[in-house]
PDB file of N, CA and C in Angstrom:
ATOM      1  N   MET A   1     -31.336 -51.166 -91.309  1.00  0.00           N
ATOM      2  CA  MET A   1     -30.383 -50.309 -90.911  1.00  0.00           C
ATOM      3  C   MET A   1     -29.035 -50.780 -90.872  1.00  0.00           C
ATOM      4  N   GLU A   2     -28.150 -50.061 -91.580  1.00  0.00           N
ATOM      5  CA  GLU A   2     -26.664 -50.546 -91.767  1.00  0.00           C
ATOM      6  C   GLU A   2     -26.015 -49.911 -90.761  1.00  0.00           C
ATOM      7  N   VAL A   3     -25.151 -50.645 -89.955  1.00  0.00           N
ATOM      8  CA  VAL A   3     -24.239 -50.170 -88.947  1.00  0.00           C
ATOM      9  C   VAL A   3     -22.821 -50.170 -89.404  1.00  0.00           C
ATOM     10  N   GLU A   4     -22.225 -48.898 -89.289  1.00  0.00           N
ATOM     11  CA  GLU A   4     -20.782 -48.870 -89.840  1.00  0.00           C
ATOM     12  C   GLU A   4     -19.879 -49.294 -88.574  1.00  0.00           C
ATOM     13  N   ILE A   5     -19.012 -50.168 -88.883  1.00  0.00           N
ATOM     14  CA  ILE A   5     -18.151 -50.669 -87.788  1.00  0.00           C
ATOM     15  C   ILE A   5     -16.745 -50.062 -88.009  1.00  0.00           C
ATOM     16  N   ASP A   6     -16.237 -49.556 -87.034  1.00  0.00           N
ATOM     17  CA  ASP A   6     -14.853 -48.982 -86.984  1.00  0.00           C
ATOM     18  C   ASP A   6     -13.768 -49.990 -86.526  1.00  0.00           C
ATOM     19  N   TYR A   7     -13.460 -50.748 -87.493  1.00  0.00           N
ATOM     20  CA  TYR A   7     -12.363 -51.803 -87.161  1.00  0.00           C
ATOM     21  C   TYR A   7     -11.115 -51.269 -86.691  1.00  0.00           C
ATOM     22  N   LEU A   8     -10.831 -50.123 -87.037  1.00  0.00           N
ATOM     23  CA  LEU A   8      -9.463 -49.449 -86.546  1.00  0.00           C
ATOM     24  C   LEU A   8      -9.624 -49.215 -85.077  1.00  0.00           C
ATOM     25  N   ALA A   9     -10.701 -48.646 -84.662  1.00  0.00           N
ATOM     26  CA  ALA A   9     -10.978 -48.322 -83.250  1.00  0.00           C
ATOM     27  C   ALA A   9     -10.985 -49.631 -82.471  1.00  0.00           C
ATOM     28  N   ILE A  10     -11.577 -50.611 -82.961  1.00  0.00           N
ATOM     29  CA  ILE A  10     -11.591 -51.901 -82.242  1.00  0.00           C
ATOM     30  C   ILE A  10     -10.219 -52.504 -82.133  1.00  0.00           C
ATOM     31  N   GLY A  11      -9.474 -52.447 -83.320  1.00  0.00           N
ATOM     32  CA  GLY A  11      -8.022 -52.819 -83.086  1.00  0.00           C
ATOM     33  C   GLY A  11      -7.218 -52.103 -82.215  1.00  0.00           C
ATOM     34  N   LYS A  12      -7.288 -50.839 -82.179  1.00  0.00           N
ATOM     35  CA  LYS A  12      -6.628 -49.948 -81.168  1.00  0.00           C
ATOM     36  C   LYS A  12      -6.955 -50.464 -79.679  1.00  0.00           C
ATOM     37  N   ARG A  13      -8.228 -50.677 -79.464  1.00  0.00           N
ATOM     38  CA  ARG A  13      -8.541 -51.070 -78.165  1.00  0.00           C
ATOM     39  C   ARG A  13      -8.076 -52.664 -77.758  1.00  0.00           C
ATOM     40  N   ILE A  14      -7.982 -53.408 -78.779  1.00  0.00           N
ATOM     41  CA  ILE A  14      -7.441 -54.564 -78.684  1.00  0.00           C
ATOM     42  C   ILE A  14      -5.959 -54.594 -78.269  1.00  0.00           C
ATOM     43  N   ARG A  15      -5.221 -53.679 -79.041  1.00  0.00           N
ATOM     44  CA  ARG A  15      -3.943 -53.326 -78.759  1.00  0.00           C
ATOM     45  C   ARG A  15      -3.552 -52.904 -77.523  1.00  0.00           C
ATOM     46  N   THR A  16      -4.438 -51.838 -77.026  1.00  0.00           N
ATOM     47  CA  THR A  16      -4.169 -51.305 -75.674  1.00  0.00           C
ATOM     48  C   THR A  16      -4.458 -52.435 -74.572  1.00  0.00           C
ATOM     49  N   ALA A  17      -5.452 -53.192 -74.721  1.00  0.00           N
ATOM     50  CA  ALA A  17      -5.580 -54.232 -73.695  1.00  0.00           C
ATOM     51  C   ALA A  17      -4.504 -55.211 -73.697  1.00  0.00           C
ATOM     52  N   ARG A  18      -4.158 -55.636 -74.881  1.00  0.00           N
ATOM     53  CA  ARG A  18      -2.947 -56.575 -75.058  1.00  0.00           C
ATOM     54  C   ARG A  18      -1.689 -56.030 -74.210  1.00  0.00           C
ATOM     55  N   LEU A  19      -1.490 -54.834 -74.681  1.00  0.00           N
ATOM     56  CA  LEU A  19      -0.189 -54.207 -74.063  1.00  0.00           C
ATOM     57  C   LEU A  19      -0.362 -53.984 -72.587  1.00  0.00           C
ATOM     58  N   SER A  20      -1.541 -53.851 -72.073  1.00  0.00           N
ATOM     59  CA  SER A  20      -1.628 -53.411 -70.623  1.00  0.00           C
ATOM     60  C   SER A  20      -1.650 -54.657 -69.865  1.00  0.00           C
ATOM     61  N   LYS A  21      -1.683 -55.921 -70.498  1.00  0.00           N
ATOM     62  CA  LYS A  21      -1.414 -57.246 -70.024  1.00  0.00           C
ATOM     63  C   LYS A  21       0.033 -57.745 -70.195  1.00  0.00           C
ATOM     64  N   LYS A  22       0.732 -56.893 -70.793  1.00  0.00           N
ATOM     65  CA  LYS A  22       2.229 -57.007 -71.340  1.00  0.00           C
ATOM     66  C   LYS A  22       2.287 -58.403 -72.051  1.00  0.00           C
ATOM     67  N   MET A  23       1.479 -58.476 -73.051  1.00  0.00           N
ATOM     68  CA  MET A  23       1.219 -59.622 -73.910  1.00  0.00           C
ATOM     69  C   MET A  23       1.662 -59.259 -75.324  1.00  0.00           C
ATOM     70  N   THR A  24       2.496 -60.115 -75.977  1.00  0.00           N
ATOM     71  CA  THR A  24       2.787 -60.048 -77.329  1.00  0.00           C
ATOM     72  C   THR A  24       1.748 -60.440 -78.312  1.00  0.00           C
ATOM     73  N   GLN A  25       1.787 -60.056 -79.525  1.00  0.00           N
ATOM     74  CA  GLN A  25       0.947 -60.468 -80.424  1.00  0.00           C
ATOM     75  C   GLN A  25       0.891 -61.972 -80.638  1.00  0.00           C
ATOM     76  N   GLU A  26       2.208 -62.468 -80.453  1.00  0.00           N
ATOM     77  CA  GLU A  26       2.361 -64.038 -80.726  1.00  0.00           C
ATOM     78  C   GLU A  26       1.740 -64.783 -79.626  1.00  0.00           C
ATOM     79  N   THR A  27       1.779 -64.283 -78.433  1.00  0.00           N
ATOM     80  CA  THR A  27       1.123 -64.947 -77.268  1.00  0.00           C
ATOM     81  C   THR A  27      -0.457 -64.825 -77.478  1.00  0.00           C
ATOM     82  N   LEU A  28      -0.973 -63.807 -77.813  1.00  0.00           N
ATOM     83  CA  LEU A  28      -2.363 -63.658 -78.152  1.00  0.00           C
ATOM     84  C   LEU A  28      -2.755 -64.661 -79.114  1.00  0.00           C
ATOM     85  N   SER A  29      -1.900 -64.483 -80.232  1.00  0.00           N
ATOM     86  CA  SER A  29      -2.296 -65.346 -81.467  1.00  0.00           C
ATOM     87  C   SER A  29      -2.444 -66.874 -81.034  1.00  0.00           C
ATOM     88  N   ASN A  30      -1.465 -67.284 -80.298  1.00  0.00           N
ATOM     89  CA  ASN A  30      -1.436 -68.742 -79.679  1.00  0.00           C
ATOM     90  C   ASN A  30      -2.732 -69.039 -78.901  1.00  0.00           C
ATOM     91  N   MET A  31      -3.065 -68.107 -78.117  1.00  0.00           N
ATOM     92  CA  MET A  31      -4.293 -68.210 -77.269  1.00  0.00           C
ATOM     93  C   MET A  31      -5.648 -68.404 -77.994  1.00  0.00           C
ATOM     94  N   ILE A  32      -5.656 -67.610 -79.091  1.00  0.00           N
ATOM     95  CA  ILE A  32      -7.070 -67.566 -79.959  1.00  0.00           C
ATOM     96  C   ILE A  32      -6.691 -68.521 -81.243  1.00  0.00           C
ATOM     97  N   ASP A  33      -5.486 -69.251 -81.335  1.00  0.00           N
ATOM     98  CA  ASP A  33      -5.365 -70.133 -82.439  1.00  0.00           C
ATOM     99  C   ASP A  33      -5.301 -69.534 -83.787  1.00  0.00           C
ATOM    100  N   VAL A  34      -4.691 -68.260 -84.044  1.00  0.00           N
ATOM    101  CA  VAL A  34      -4.471 -67.646 -85.327  1.00  0.00           C
ATOM    102  C   VAL A  34      -3.013 -67.324 -85.485  1.00  0.00           C
ATOM    103  N   ALA A  35      -2.702 -66.927 -86.654  1.00  0.00           N
ATOM    104  CA  ALA A  35      -1.334 -66.493 -86.916  1.00  0.00           C
ATOM    105  C   ALA A  35      -1.094 -65.120 -86.238  1.00  0.00           C
ATOM    106  N   PRO A  36       0.092 -64.861 -85.874  1.00  0.00           N
ATOM    107  CA  PRO A  36       0.322 -63.441 -85.362  1.00  0.00           C
ATOM    108  C   PRO A  36       0.189 -62.451 -86.336  1.00  0.00           C
ATOM    109  N   THR A  37       0.320 -62.625 -87.461  1.00  0.00           N
ATOM    110  CA  THR A  37       0.273 -61.717 -88.617  1.00  0.00           C
ATOM    111  C   THR A  37      -1.355 -61.280 -88.615  1.00  0.00           C
ATOM    112  N   TYR A  38      -2.239 -62.272 -88.290  1.00  0.00           N
ATOM    113  CA  TYR A  38      -3.554 -61.886 -88.294  1.00  0.00           C
ATOM    114  C   TYR A  38      -3.923 -60.954 -87.152  1.00  0.00           C
ATOM    115  N   VAL A  39      -3.367 -61.130 -86.034  1.00  0.00           N
ATOM    116  CA  VAL A  39      -3.562 -60.348 -84.810  1.00  0.00           C
ATOM    117  C   VAL A  39      -2.976 -58.903 -85.108  1.00  0.00           C
ATOM    118  N   SER A  40      -1.971 -58.804 -85.904  1.00  0.00           N
ATOM    119  CA  SER A  40      -1.380 -57.587 -86.364  1.00  0.00           C
ATOM    120  C   SER A  40      -2.416 -56.894 -87.241  1.00  0.00           C
ATOM    121  N   SER A  41      -2.927 -57.584 -88.085  1.00  0.00           N
ATOM    122  CA  SER A  41      -3.838 -57.051 -89.076  1.00  0.00           C
ATOM    123  C   SER A  41      -5.084 -56.547 -88.337  1.00  0.00           C
ATOM    124  N   ILE A  42      -5.619 -57.288 -87.373  1.00  0.00           N
ATOM    125  CA  ILE A  42      -6.852 -56.811 -86.456  1.00  0.00           C
ATOM    126  C   ILE A  42      -6.512 -55.611 -85.997  1.00  0.00           C
ATOM    127  N   GLU A  43      -5.295 -55.561 -85.294  1.00  0.00           N
ATOM    128  CA  GLU A  43      -5.080 -54.278 -84.468  1.00  0.00           C
ATOM    129  C   GLU A  43      -4.979 -52.979 -85.413  1.00  0.00           C
ATOM    130  N   ASN A  44      -4.456 -53.433 -86.588  1.00  0.00           N
ATOM    131  CA  ASN A  44      -4.241 -52.353 -87.597  1.00  0.00           C
ATOM    132  C   ASN A  44      -5.510 -51.893 -88.347  1.00  0.00           C
ATOM    133  N   GLY A  45      -6.628 -52.688 -88.009  1.00  0.00           N
ATOM    134  CA  GLY A  45      -7.768 -52.358 -88.796  1.00  0.00           C
ATOM    135  C   GLY A  45      -8.039 -52.710 -90.096  1.00  0.00           C
ATOM    136  N   HIS A  46      -7.114 -53.729 -90.534  1.00  0.00           N
ATOM    137  CA  HIS A  46      -7.076 -54.119 -91.903  1.00  0.00           C
ATOM    138  C   HIS A  46      -7.827 -55.291 -92.201  1.00  0.00           C
ATOM    139  N   THR A  47      -8.463 -55.890 -91.263  1.00  0.00           N
ATOM    140  CA  THR A  47      -9.248 -57.176 -91.362  1.00  0.00           C
ATOM    141  C   THR A  47     -10.484 -56.983 -90.615  1.00  0.00           C
ATOM    142  N   LYS A  48     -11.598 -57.713 -90.927  1.00  0.00           N
ATOM    143  CA  LYS A  48     -12.819 -57.842 -90.271  1.00  0.00           C
ATOM    144  C   LYS A  48     -12.791 -59.118 -89.508  1.00  0.00           C
ATOM    145  N   LEU A  49     -12.775 -59.076 -88.238  1.00  0.00           N
ATOM    146  CA  LEU A  49     -12.672 -60.265 -87.283  1.00  0.00           C
ATOM    147  C   LEU A  49     -14.069 -60.734 -87.215  1.00  0.00           C
ATOM    148  N   SER A  50     -14.020 -62.186 -87.024  1.00  0.00           N
ATOM    149  CA  SER A  50     -15.453 -62.856 -86.700  1.00  0.00           C
ATOM    150  C   SER A  50     -15.663 -62.727 -85.432  1.00  0.00           C
ATOM    151  N   LEU A  51     -17.128 -62.862 -84.957  1.00  0.00           N
ATOM    152  CA  LEU A  51     -17.597 -62.845 -83.524  1.00  0.00           C
ATOM    153  C   LEU A  51     -16.839 -63.895 -82.811  1.00  0.00           C
ATOM    154  N   ALA A  52     -16.556 -64.975 -83.349  1.00  0.00           N
ATOM    155  CA  ALA A  52     -15.877 -66.043 -82.405  1.00  0.00           C
ATOM    156  C   ALA A  52     -14.408 -65.671 -82.173  1.00  0.00           C
ATOM    157  N   THR A  53     -13.804 -64.844 -83.130  1.00  0.00           N
ATOM    158  CA  THR A  53     -12.451 -64.257 -82.788  1.00  0.00           C
ATOM    159  C   THR A  53     -12.537 -63.280 -81.820  1.00  0.00           C
ATOM    160  N   LEU A  54     -13.439 -62.366 -81.952  1.00  0.00           N
ATOM    161  CA  LEU A  54     -13.667 -61.231 -80.853  1.00  0.00           C
ATOM    162  C   LEU A  54     -13.820 -61.833 -79.550  1.00  0.00           C
ATOM    163  N   LEU A  55     -14.768 -62.702 -79.490  1.00  0.00           N
ATOM    164  CA  LEU A  55     -14.926 -63.520 -78.189  1.00  0.00           C
ATOM    165  C   LEU A  55     -13.735 -64.072 -77.502  1.00  0.00           C
ATOM    166  N   GLY A  56     -12.937 -64.681 -78.462  1.00  0.00           N
ATOM    167  CA  GLY A  56     -11.672 -65.302 -77.856  1.00  0.00           C
ATOM    168  C   GLY A  56     -10.590 -64.253 -77.526  1.00  0.00           C
ATOM    169  N   ILE A  57     -10.611 -63.132 -78.351  1.00  0.00           N
ATOM    170  CA  ILE A  57      -9.730 -62.149 -77.838  1.00  0.00           C
ATOM    171  C   ILE A  57     -10.181 -61.638 -76.590  1.00  0.00           C
ATOM    172  N   ALA A  58     -11.374 -61.234 -76.356  1.00  0.00           N
ATOM    173  CA  ALA A  58     -11.868 -60.671 -75.130  1.00  0.00           C
ATOM    174  C   ALA A  58     -11.614 -61.558 -73.925  1.00  0.00           C
ATOM    175  N   GLN A  59     -11.994 -62.820 -74.057  1.00  0.00           N
ATOM    176  CA  GLN A  59     -11.580 -63.890 -73.121  1.00  0.00           C
ATOM    177  C   GLN A  59     -10.174 -63.822 -72.787  1.00  0.00           C
ATOM    178  N   SER A  60      -9.248 -63.838 -73.785  1.00  0.00           N
ATOM    179  CA  SER A  60      -7.887 -63.968 -73.536  1.00  0.00           C
ATOM    180  C   SER A  60      -7.231 -62.708 -72.883  1.00  0.00           C
ATOM    181  N   LEU A  61      -7.866 -61.539 -73.128  1.00  0.00           N
ATOM    182  CA  LEU A  61      -7.514 -60.413 -72.504  1.00  0.00           C
ATOM    183  C   LEU A  61      -8.182 -59.960 -71.264  1.00  0.00           C
ATOM    184  N   ASP A  62      -9.041 -60.956 -70.821  1.00  0.00           N
ATOM    185  CA  ASP A  62      -9.636 -60.698 -69.541  1.00  0.00           C
ATOM    186  C   ASP A  62     -10.496 -59.315 -69.680  1.00  0.00           C
ATOM    187  N   THR A  63     -11.165 -59.023 -70.706  1.00  0.00           N
ATOM    188  CA  THR A  63     -11.934 -58.038 -70.909  1.00  0.00           C
ATOM    189  C   THR A  63     -13.428 -58.375 -71.578  1.00  0.00           C
ATOM    190  N   THR A  64     -14.272 -57.430 -71.920  1.00  0.00           N
ATOM    191  CA  THR A  64     -15.503 -57.819 -72.382  1.00  0.00           C
ATOM    192  C   THR A  64     -15.612 -57.360 -73.792  1.00  0.00           C
ATOM    193  N   VAL A  65     -16.466 -58.043 -74.565  1.00  0.00           N
ATOM    194  CA  VAL A  65     -16.692 -57.618 -75.912  1.00  0.00           C
ATOM    195  C   VAL A  65     -17.304 -56.073 -75.980  1.00  0.00           C
ATOM    196  N   ASP A  66     -18.110 -55.792 -75.167  1.00  0.00           N
ATOM    197  CA  ASP A  66     -18.682 -54.558 -74.793  1.00  0.00           C
ATOM    198  C   ASP A  66     -17.448 -53.559 -74.828  1.00  0.00           C
ATOM    199  N   GLN A  67     -16.418 -53.860 -74.099  1.00  0.00           N
ATOM    200  CA  GLN A  67     -15.356 -52.767 -73.991  1.00  0.00           C
ATOM    201  C   GLN A  67     -14.629 -52.676 -75.264  1.00  0.00           C
ATOM    202  N   LEU A  68     -14.597 -53.874 -75.993  1.00  0.00           N
ATOM    203  CA  LEU A  68     -13.895 -53.714 -77.360  1.00  0.00           C
ATOM    204  C   LEU A  68     -14.733 -53.016 -78.374  1.00  0.00           C
ATOM    205  N   LEU A  69     -15.959 -53.243 -78.345  1.00  0.00           N
ATOM    206  CA  LEU A  69     -16.953 -52.600 -79.377  1.00  0.00           C
ATOM    207  C   LEU A  69     -17.431 -51.170 -79.008  1.00  0.00           C
ATOM    208  N   TYR A  70     -17.185 -50.604 -77.748  1.00  0.00           N
ATOM    209  CA  TYR A  70     -17.743 -49.499 -77.129  1.00  0.00           C
ATOM    210  C   TYR A  70     -18.328 -48.476 -78.116  1.00  0.00           C
ATOM    211  N   ASP A  71     -17.249 -48.064 -78.764  1.00  0.00           N
ATOM    212  CA  ASP A  71     -17.542 -46.838 -79.560  1.00  0.00           C
ATOM    213  C   ASP A  71     -18.355 -47.061 -80.888  1.00  0.00           C
ATOM    214  N   ASN A  72     -18.539 -48.373 -81.125  1.00  0.00           N
ATOM    215  CA  ASN A  72     -19.356 -48.719 -82.310  1.00  0.00           C
ATOM    216  C   ASN A  72     -20.784 -48.890 -81.941  1.00  0.00           C
ATOM    217  N   THR A  73     -21.229 -48.443 -80.676  1.00  0.00           N
ATOM    218  CA  THR A  73     -22.526 -48.346 -80.321  1.00  0.00           C
ATOM    219  C   THR A  73     -22.901 -46.942 -79.984  1.00  0.00           C
ATOM    220  N   PRO A  74     -23.405 -46.139 -81.023  1.00  0.00           N
ATOM    221  CA  PRO A  74     -23.396 -44.779 -80.887  1.00  0.00           C
ATOM    222  C   PRO A  74     -24.559 -44.424 -79.800  1.00  0.00           C
ATOM    223  N   VAL A  75     -25.353 -45.123 -79.409  1.00  0.00           N
ATOM    224  CA  VAL A  75     -26.349 -44.744 -78.329  1.00  0.00           C
ATOM    225  C   VAL A  75     -25.643 -44.621 -77.001  1.00  0.00           C
ATOM    226  N   LEU A  76     -24.691 -45.374 -76.764  1.00  0.00           N
ATOM    227  CA  LEU A  76     -23.874 -45.278 -75.518  1.00  0.00           C
ATOM    228  C   LEU A  76     -22.890 -44.438 -75.390  1.00  0.00           C
ATOM    229  N   VAL A  77     -22.397 -43.780 -76.651  1.00  0.00           N
ATOM    230  CA  VAL A  77     -21.109 -42.943 -76.564  1.00  0.00           C
ATOM    231  C   VAL A  77     -21.270 -41.504 -76.403  1.00  0.00           C
ATOM    232  N   SER A  78     -20.736 -40.993 -75.605  1.00  0.00           N
ATOM    233  CA  SER A  78     -20.597 -39.448 -75.605  1.00  0.00           C
ATOM    234  C   SER A  78     -19.056 -39.134 -75.400  1.00  0.00           C
ATOM    235  N   LYS A  79     -18.764 -37.992 -75.695  1.00  0.00           N
ATOM    236  CA  LYS A  79     -17.411 -37.460 -75.711  1.00  0.00           C
ATOM    237  C   LYS A  79     -16.694 -37.736 -74.335  1.00  0.00           C
ATOM    238  N   PHE A  80     -17.395 -37.449 -73.431  1.00  0.00           N
ATOM    239  CA  PHE A  80     -16.862 -37.665 -71.948  1.00  0.00           C
ATOM    240  C   PHE A  80     -16.655 -39.276 -71.728  1.00  0.00           C
ATOM    241  N   ASP A  81     -17.692 -40.090 -72.062  1.00  0.00           N
ATOM    242  CA  ASP A  81     -17.506 -41.502 -71.915  1.00  0.00           C
ATOM    243  C   ASP A  81     -16.421 -42.092 -72.471  1.00  0.00           C
ATOM    244  N   ALA A  82     -15.979 -41.654 -73.777  1.00  0.00           N
ATOM    245  CA  ALA A  82     -15.026 -42.179 -74.398  1.00  0.00           C
ATOM    246  C   ALA A  82     -13.564 -41.641 -73.821  1.00  0.00           C
ATOM    247  N   ASP A  83     -13.782 -40.422 -73.380  1.00  0.00           N
ATOM    248  CA  ASP A  83     -12.453 -39.915 -72.786  1.00  0.00           C
ATOM    249  C   ASP A  83     -12.012 -40.604 -71.483  1.00  0.00           C
ATOM    250  N   ILE A  84     -13.147 -40.942 -70.587  1.00  0.00           N
ATOM    251  CA  ILE A  84     -13.031 -41.578 -69.525  1.00  0.00           C
ATOM    252  C   ILE A  84     -12.414 -43.152 -69.647  1.00  0.00           C
ATOM    253  N   LYS A  85     -13.137 -43.690 -70.609  1.00  0.00           N
ATOM    254  CA  LYS A  85     -12.732 -45.161 -71.026  1.00  0.00           C
ATOM    255  C   LYS A  85     -11.262 -45.172 -71.565  1.00  0.00           C
ATOM    256  N   GLU A  86     -10.753 -44.222 -72.286  1.00  0.00           N
ATOM    257  CA  GLU A  86      -9.579 -44.243 -72.733  1.00  0.00           C
ATOM    258  C   GLU A  86      -8.493 -43.845 -71.648  1.00  0.00           C
ATOM    259  N   LEU A  87      -8.824 -42.998 -70.775  1.00  0.00           N
ATOM    260  CA  LEU A  87      -8.042 -42.794 -69.612  1.00  0.00           C
ATOM    261  C   LEU A  87      -7.780 -43.920 -68.773  1.00  0.00           C
ATOM    262  N   THR A  88      -8.750 -44.667 -68.540  1.00  0.00           N
ATOM    263  CA  THR A  88      -8.711 -45.772 -67.652  1.00  0.00           C
ATOM    264  C   THR A  88      -8.435 -47.120 -68.340  1.00  0.00           C
ATOM    265  N   SER A  89      -8.226 -47.167 -69.690  1.00  0.00           N
ATOM    266  CA  SER A  89      -8.040 -48.535 -70.345  1.00  0.00           C
ATOM    267  C   SER A  89      -6.851 -49.357 -69.881  1.00  0.00           C
ATOM    268  N   ASP A  90      -5.850 -48.725 -69.455  1.00  0.00           N
ATOM    269  CA  ASP A  90      -4.661 -49.320 -68.883  1.00  0.00           C
ATOM    270  C   ASP A  90      -4.572 -49.609 -67.482  1.00  0.00           C
ATOM    271  N   CYS A  91      -5.678 -49.336 -66.711  1.00  0.00           N
ATOM    272  CA  CYS A  91      -5.786 -49.490 -65.280  1.00  0.00           C
ATOM    273  C   CYS A  91      -6.218 -50.849 -64.925  1.00  0.00           C
ATOM    274  N   SER A  92      -5.809 -51.328 -63.801  1.00  0.00           N
ATOM    275  CA  SER A  92      -6.151 -52.603 -63.260  1.00  0.00           C
ATOM    276  C   SER A  92      -7.645 -52.425 -62.643  1.00  0.00           C
ATOM    277  N   ASN A  93      -8.341 -53.415 -62.315  1.00  0.00           N
ATOM    278  CA  ASN A  93      -9.587 -53.303 -61.671  1.00  0.00           C
ATOM    279  C   ASN A  93      -9.465 -52.690 -60.231  1.00  0.00           C
ATOM    280  N   GLN A  94      -8.443 -52.829 -59.745  1.00  0.00           N
ATOM    281  CA  GLN A  94      -8.221 -52.178 -58.288  1.00  0.00           C
ATOM    282  C   GLN A  94      -8.054 -50.670 -58.581  1.00  0.00           C
ATOM    283  N   GLU A  95      -7.406 -50.266 -59.567  1.00  0.00           N
ATOM    284  CA  GLU A  95      -7.169 -48.904 -59.885  1.00  0.00           C
ATOM    285  C   GLU A  95      -8.511 -48.223 -60.269  1.00  0.00           C
ATOM    286  N   LYS A  96      -9.140 -48.974 -61.131  1.00  0.00           N
ATOM    287  CA  LYS A  96     -10.577 -48.476 -61.477  1.00  0.00           C
ATOM    288  C   LYS A  96     -11.493 -48.257 -60.432  1.00  0.00           C
ATOM    289  N   GLU A  97     -11.520 -49.281 -59.360  1.00  0.00           N
ATOM    290  CA  GLU A  97     -12.374 -48.969 -58.233  1.00  0.00           C
ATOM    291  C   GLU A  97     -11.972 -47.898 -57.526  1.00  0.00           C
ATOM    292  N   PHE A  98     -10.499 -47.644 -57.314  1.00  0.00           N
ATOM    293  CA  PHE A  98     -10.082 -46.478 -56.570  1.00  0.00           C
ATOM    294  C   PHE A  98     -10.539 -45.146 -57.232  1.00  0.00           C
ATOM    295  N   LEU A  99     -10.332 -45.142 -58.518  1.00  0.00           N
ATOM    296  CA  LEU A  99     -10.785 -43.949 -59.344  1.00  0.00           C
ATOM    297  C   LEU A  99     -12.289 -43.587 -59.200  1.00  0.00           C
ATOM    298  N   LEU A 100     -13.046 -44.736 -59.333  1.00  0.00           N
ATOM    299  CA  LEU A 100     -14.622 -44.521 -59.113  1.00  0.00           C
ATOM    300  C   LEU A 100     -14.797 -44.049 -57.736  1.00  0.00           C
ATOM    301  N   GLU A 101     -14.310 -44.370 -56.638  1.00  0.00           N
ATOM    302  CA  GLU A 101     -14.443 -43.808 -55.406  1.00  0.00           C
ATOM    303  C   GLU A 101     -14.088 -42.370 -55.338  1.00  0.00           C
ATOM    304  N   ILE A 102     -13.100 -42.013 -55.946  1.00  0.00           N
ATOM    305  CA  ILE A 102     -12.668 -40.623 -56.091  1.00  0.00           C
ATOM    306  C   ILE A 102     -13.674 -39.836 -56.822  1.00  0.00           C
ATOM    307  N   ILE A 103     -14.199 -40.256 -57.892  1.00  0.00           N
ATOM    308  CA  ILE A 103     -15.248 -39.671 -58.657  1.00  0.00           C
ATOM    309  C   ILE A 103     -16.537 -39.515 -57.807  1.00  0.00           C
ATOM    310  N   LYS A 104     -16.918 -40.566 -57.096  1.00  0.00           N
ATOM    311  CA  LYS A 104     -18.175 -40.362 -56.257  1.00  0.00           C
ATOM    312  C   LYS A 104     -17.936 -39.426 -55.228  1.00  0.00           C
ATOM    313  N   SER A 105     -16.796 -39.324 -54.523  1.00  0.00           N
ATOM    314  CA  SER A 105     -16.464 -38.253 -53.527  1.00  0.00           C
ATOM    315  C   SER A 105     -16.482 -36.869 -54.036  1.00  0.00           C
ATOM    316  N   THR A 106     -15.916 -36.798 -55.194  1.00  0.00           N
ATOM    317  CA  THR A 106     -15.781 -35.383 -55.813  1.00  0.00           C
ATOM    318  C   THR A 106     -17.228 -34.976 -56.226  1.00  0.00           C
ATOM    319  N   LYS A 107     -17.992 -35.789 -56.739  1.00  0.00           N
ATOM    320  CA  LYS A 107     -19.392 -35.508 -57.050  1.00  0.00           C
ATOM    321  C   LYS A 107     -20.168 -34.947 -56.057  1.00  0.00           C
ATOM    322  N   THR A 108     -20.069 -35.923 -54.895  1.00  0.00           N
ATOM    323  CA  THR A 108     -20.774 -35.513 -53.723  1.00  0.00           C
ATOM    324  C   THR A 108     -20.355 -34.073 -53.247  1.00  0.00           C
ATOM    325  N   ALA A 109     -18.937 -33.856 -53.174  1.00  0.00           N
ATOM    326  CA  ALA A 109     -18.531 -32.589 -52.614  1.00  0.00           C
ATOM    327  C   ALA A 109     -18.950 -31.458 -53.522  1.00  0.00           C
ATOM    328  N   LEU A 110     -18.965 -31.709 -54.813  1.00  0.00           N
ATOM    329  CA  LEU A 110     -19.283 -30.678 -55.823  1.00  0.00           C
ATOM    330  C   LEU A 110     -20.762 -30.054 -55.594  1.00  0.00           C
ATOM    331  N   ARG A 111     -21.669 -31.198 -55.305  1.00  0.00           N
ATOM    332  CA  ARG A 111     -23.053 -30.985 -55.049  1.00  0.00           C
ATOM    333  C   ARG A 111     -23.286 -30.351 -53.714  1.00  0.00           C
ATOM    334  N   ASN A 112     -22.625 -30.601 -52.856  1.00  0.00           N
ATOM    335  CA  ASN A 112     -22.688 -29.931 -51.547  1.00  0.00           C
ATOM    336  C   ASN A 112     -22.076 -28.753 -51.351  1.00  0.00           C
ATOM    337  N   TYR A 113     -21.347 -28.345 -52.270  1.00  0.00           N
ATOM    338  CA  TYR A 113     -20.438 -27.120 -52.209  1.00  0.00           C
ATOM    339  C   TYR A 113     -21.413 -25.844 -52.205  1.00  0.00           C
ATOM    340  N   LYS A 114     -21.231 -24.938 -51.350  1.00  0.00           N
ATOM    341  CA  LYS A 114     -22.050 -23.679 -51.149  1.00  0.00           C
ATOM    342  C   LYS A 114     -21.037 -22.680 -51.158  1.00  0.00           C
ATOM    343  N   PRO A 115     -20.904 -21.912 -52.417  1.00  0.00           N
ATOM    344  CA  PRO A 115     -20.086 -20.809 -52.337  1.00  0.00           C
ATOM    345  C   PRO A 115     -20.360 -19.767 -51.311  1.00  0.00           C
ATOM    346  N   VAL A 116     -19.248 -19.083 -50.779  1.00  0.00           N
ATOM    347  CA  VAL A 116     -19.495 -17.906 -49.701  1.00  0.00           C
ATOM    348  C   VAL A 116     -19.796 -16.757 -50.769  1.00  0.00           C
ATOM    349  N   LYS A 117     -20.955 -16.101 -50.132  1.00  0.00           N
ATOM    350  CA  LYS A 117     -21.310 -14.849 -50.840  1.00  0.00           C
ATOM    351  C   LYS A 117     -20.996 -13.540 -50.127  1.00  0.00           C
TER     352      LYS A 117
END
């Protein structure tokens, strides 16, 4: 089975994570010991990055490989999951926890709602 990898989507998620950390391409490139032009090429989807580079990027951006590869795992992806992921991609962990609590509360309220007839 051949898996098609969307390097452009991966690059976009790397760029989003990097910018959310207010980090330049040069800073990231220094952290993973590559040229800034290589980081640019990755973010634009023009190059295939190695597993070692992907791991280094994930560690440097304080994220996980799963988050960077998410849309490349079709079994895990639904339209809603991708939308939620994108909406929260620039949130801090504290903001994500807050949003999770709101979602839980809203879900409970929705399920307990009894319309007046």
